[in-house]
Amino acid sequence: MNLHFPVHVEWNKMISAFHTIVGGPNYIAYLEHFQTHHPDEVPLTEKEFYDQRLKDRYEGGKINRCC
């Protein structure tokens, strides 16, 4: 019996909710989408995902920030 699994699942839900609220990239949602729509492809690693989102946000010519 793995007692850590439910805590891990709840933690992921909290992280996902946080990213939704602040408008940040959500790796968990990305993986769920990727598994559903691209099951035969390999998803980005978590580091690659966040690096790509930063690049898209700041190198796209349209900086989206609060200040």
C-alpha atoms as a PDB file:
ATOM      1  CA  MET A   1       0.000   0.000   0.000  1.00  0.00           C
ATOM      2  CA  ASN A   2       1.437   3.345  -1.057  1.00  0.00           C
ATOM      3  CA  LEU A   3       0.454   5.985   1.491  1.00  0.00           C
ATOM      4  CA  HIS A   4       2.207   8.778  -0.370  1.00  0.00           C
ATOM      5  CA  PHE A   5       0.135   8.559  -3.546  1.00  0.00           C
ATOM      6  CA  PRO A   6      -2.970  10.410  -2.275  1.00  0.00           C
ATOM      7  CA  VAL A   7      -0.808  13.248  -0.933  1.00  0.00           C
ATOM      8  CA  HIS A   8       0.988  13.460  -4.276  1.00  0.00           C
ATOM      9  CA  VAL A   9      -2.326  13.616  -6.146  1.00  0.00           C
ATOM     10  CA  GLU A  10      -3.659  16.348  -3.851  1.00  0.00           C
ATOM     11  CA  TRP A  11      -0.402  18.308  -4.186  1.00  0.00           C
ATOM     12  CA  ASN A  12      -0.685  18.154  -7.988  1.00  0.00           C
ATOM     13  CA  LYS A  13      -4.258  19.427  -7.792  1.00  0.00           C
ATOM     14  CA  MET A  14      -3.144  22.350  -5.623  1.00  0.00           C
ATOM     15  CA  ILE A  15      -0.314  23.205  -8.024  1.00  0.00           C
ATOM     16  CA  SER A  16      -2.676  22.986 -10.974  1.00  0.00           C
ATOM     17  CA  ALA A  17      -5.205  25.287  -9.266  1.00  0.00           C
ATOM     18  CA  PHE A  18      -2.459  27.791  -8.433  1.00  0.00           C
ATOM     19  CA  HIS A  19      -1.263  27.910 -12.031  1.00  0.00           C
ATOM     20  CA  THR A  20      -4.835  28.378 -13.232  1.00  0.00           C
ATOM     21  CA  ILE A  21      -5.415  31.269 -10.830  1.00  0.00           C
ATOM     22  CA  VAL A  22      -2.207  33.157 -11.662  1.00  0.00           C
ATOM     23  CA  GLY A  23      -2.277  32.330 -15.358  1.00  0.00           C
ATOM     24  CA  GLY A  24       0.996  30.437 -15.376  1.00  0.00           C
ATOM     25  CA  PRO A  25       1.920  27.384 -17.413  1.00  0.00           C
ATOM     26  CA  ASN A  26       0.476  24.121 -16.134  1.00  0.00           C
ATOM     27  CA  TYR A  27       2.627  21.064 -16.822  1.00  0.00           C
ATOM     28  CA  ILE A  28       0.076  18.631 -15.390  1.00  0.00           C
ATOM     29  CA  ALA A  29      -2.664  19.939 -17.692  1.00  0.00           C
ATOM     30  CA  TYR A  30      -0.180  19.802 -20.582  1.00  0.00           C
ATOM     31  CA  LEU A  31       0.555  16.123 -19.861  1.00  0.00           C
ATOM     32  CA  GLU A  32      -3.151  15.276 -19.641  1.00  0.00           C
ATOM     33  CA  HIS A  33      -3.813  17.034 -22.955  1.00  0.00           C
ATOM     34  CA  PHE A  34      -0.788  15.434 -24.569  1.00  0.00           C
ATOM     35  CA  GLN A  35      -1.787  11.938 -23.461  1.00  0.00           C
ATOM     36  CA  THR A  36      -5.315  12.419 -24.804  1.00  0.00           C
ATOM     37  CA  HIS A  37      -4.500  14.093 -28.125  1.00  0.00           C
ATOM     38  CA  HIS A  38      -0.974  12.879 -28.960  1.00  0.00           C
ATOM     39  CA  PRO A  39      -0.640   9.379 -27.448  1.00  0.00           C
ATOM     40  CA  ASP A  40       1.967   8.236 -29.985  1.00  0.00           C
ATOM     41  CA  GLU A  41       4.335  11.180 -29.372  1.00  0.00           C
ATOM     42  CA  VAL A  42       6.782  11.906 -26.555  1.00  0.00           C
ATOM     43  CA  PRO A  43       5.867  14.936 -24.397  1.00  0.00           C
ATOM     44  CA  LEU A  44       8.340  17.602 -23.336  1.00  0.00           C
ATOM     45  CA  THR A  45      10.085  17.133 -20.021  1.00  0.00           C
ATOM     46  CA  GLU A  46       8.970  19.458 -17.249  1.00  0.00           C
ATOM     47  CA  LYS A  47      12.096  21.600 -17.694  1.00  0.00           C
ATOM     48  CA  GLU A  48      11.621  21.746 -21.489  1.00  0.00           C
ATOM     49  CA  PHE A  49       7.956  22.685 -20.994  1.00  0.00           C
ATOM     50  CA  TYR A  50       8.714  25.621 -18.685  1.00  0.00           C
ATOM     51  CA  ASP A  51      11.662  26.763 -20.815  1.00  0.00           C
ATOM     52  CA  GLN A  52       9.413  26.768 -23.904  1.00  0.00           C
ATOM     53  CA  ARG A  53       6.685  28.720 -22.095  1.00  0.00           C
ATOM     54  CA  LEU A  54       9.211  31.342 -20.949  1.00  0.00           C
ATOM     55  CA  LYS A  55      10.576  31.629 -24.468  1.00  0.00           C
ATOM     56  CA  ASP A  56       7.064  31.967 -25.911  1.00  0.00           C
ATOM     57  CA  ARG A  57       6.170  34.619 -23.351  1.00  0.00           C
ATOM     58  CA  TYR A  58       9.240  36.836 -23.520  1.00  0.00           C
ATOM     59  CA  GLU A  59      10.705  36.246 -26.979  1.00  0.00           C
ATOM     60  CA  GLY A  60       7.436  36.399 -28.881  1.00  0.00           C
ATOM     61  CA  GLY A  61       7.489  40.192 -29.081  1.00  0.00           C
ATOM     62  CA  LYS A  62       4.526  40.455 -26.755  1.00  0.00           C
ATOM     63  CA  ILE A  63       5.545  40.660 -23.102  1.00  0.00           C
ATOM     64  CA  ASN A  64       2.660  39.869 -20.788  1.00  0.00           C
ATOM     65  CA  ARG A  65       3.400  41.034 -17.267  1.00  0.00           C
ATOM     66  CA  CYS A  66       1.775  43.024 -14.497  1.00  0.00           C
ATOM     67  CA  CYS A  67       4.352  45.826 -14.185  1.00  0.00           C
END
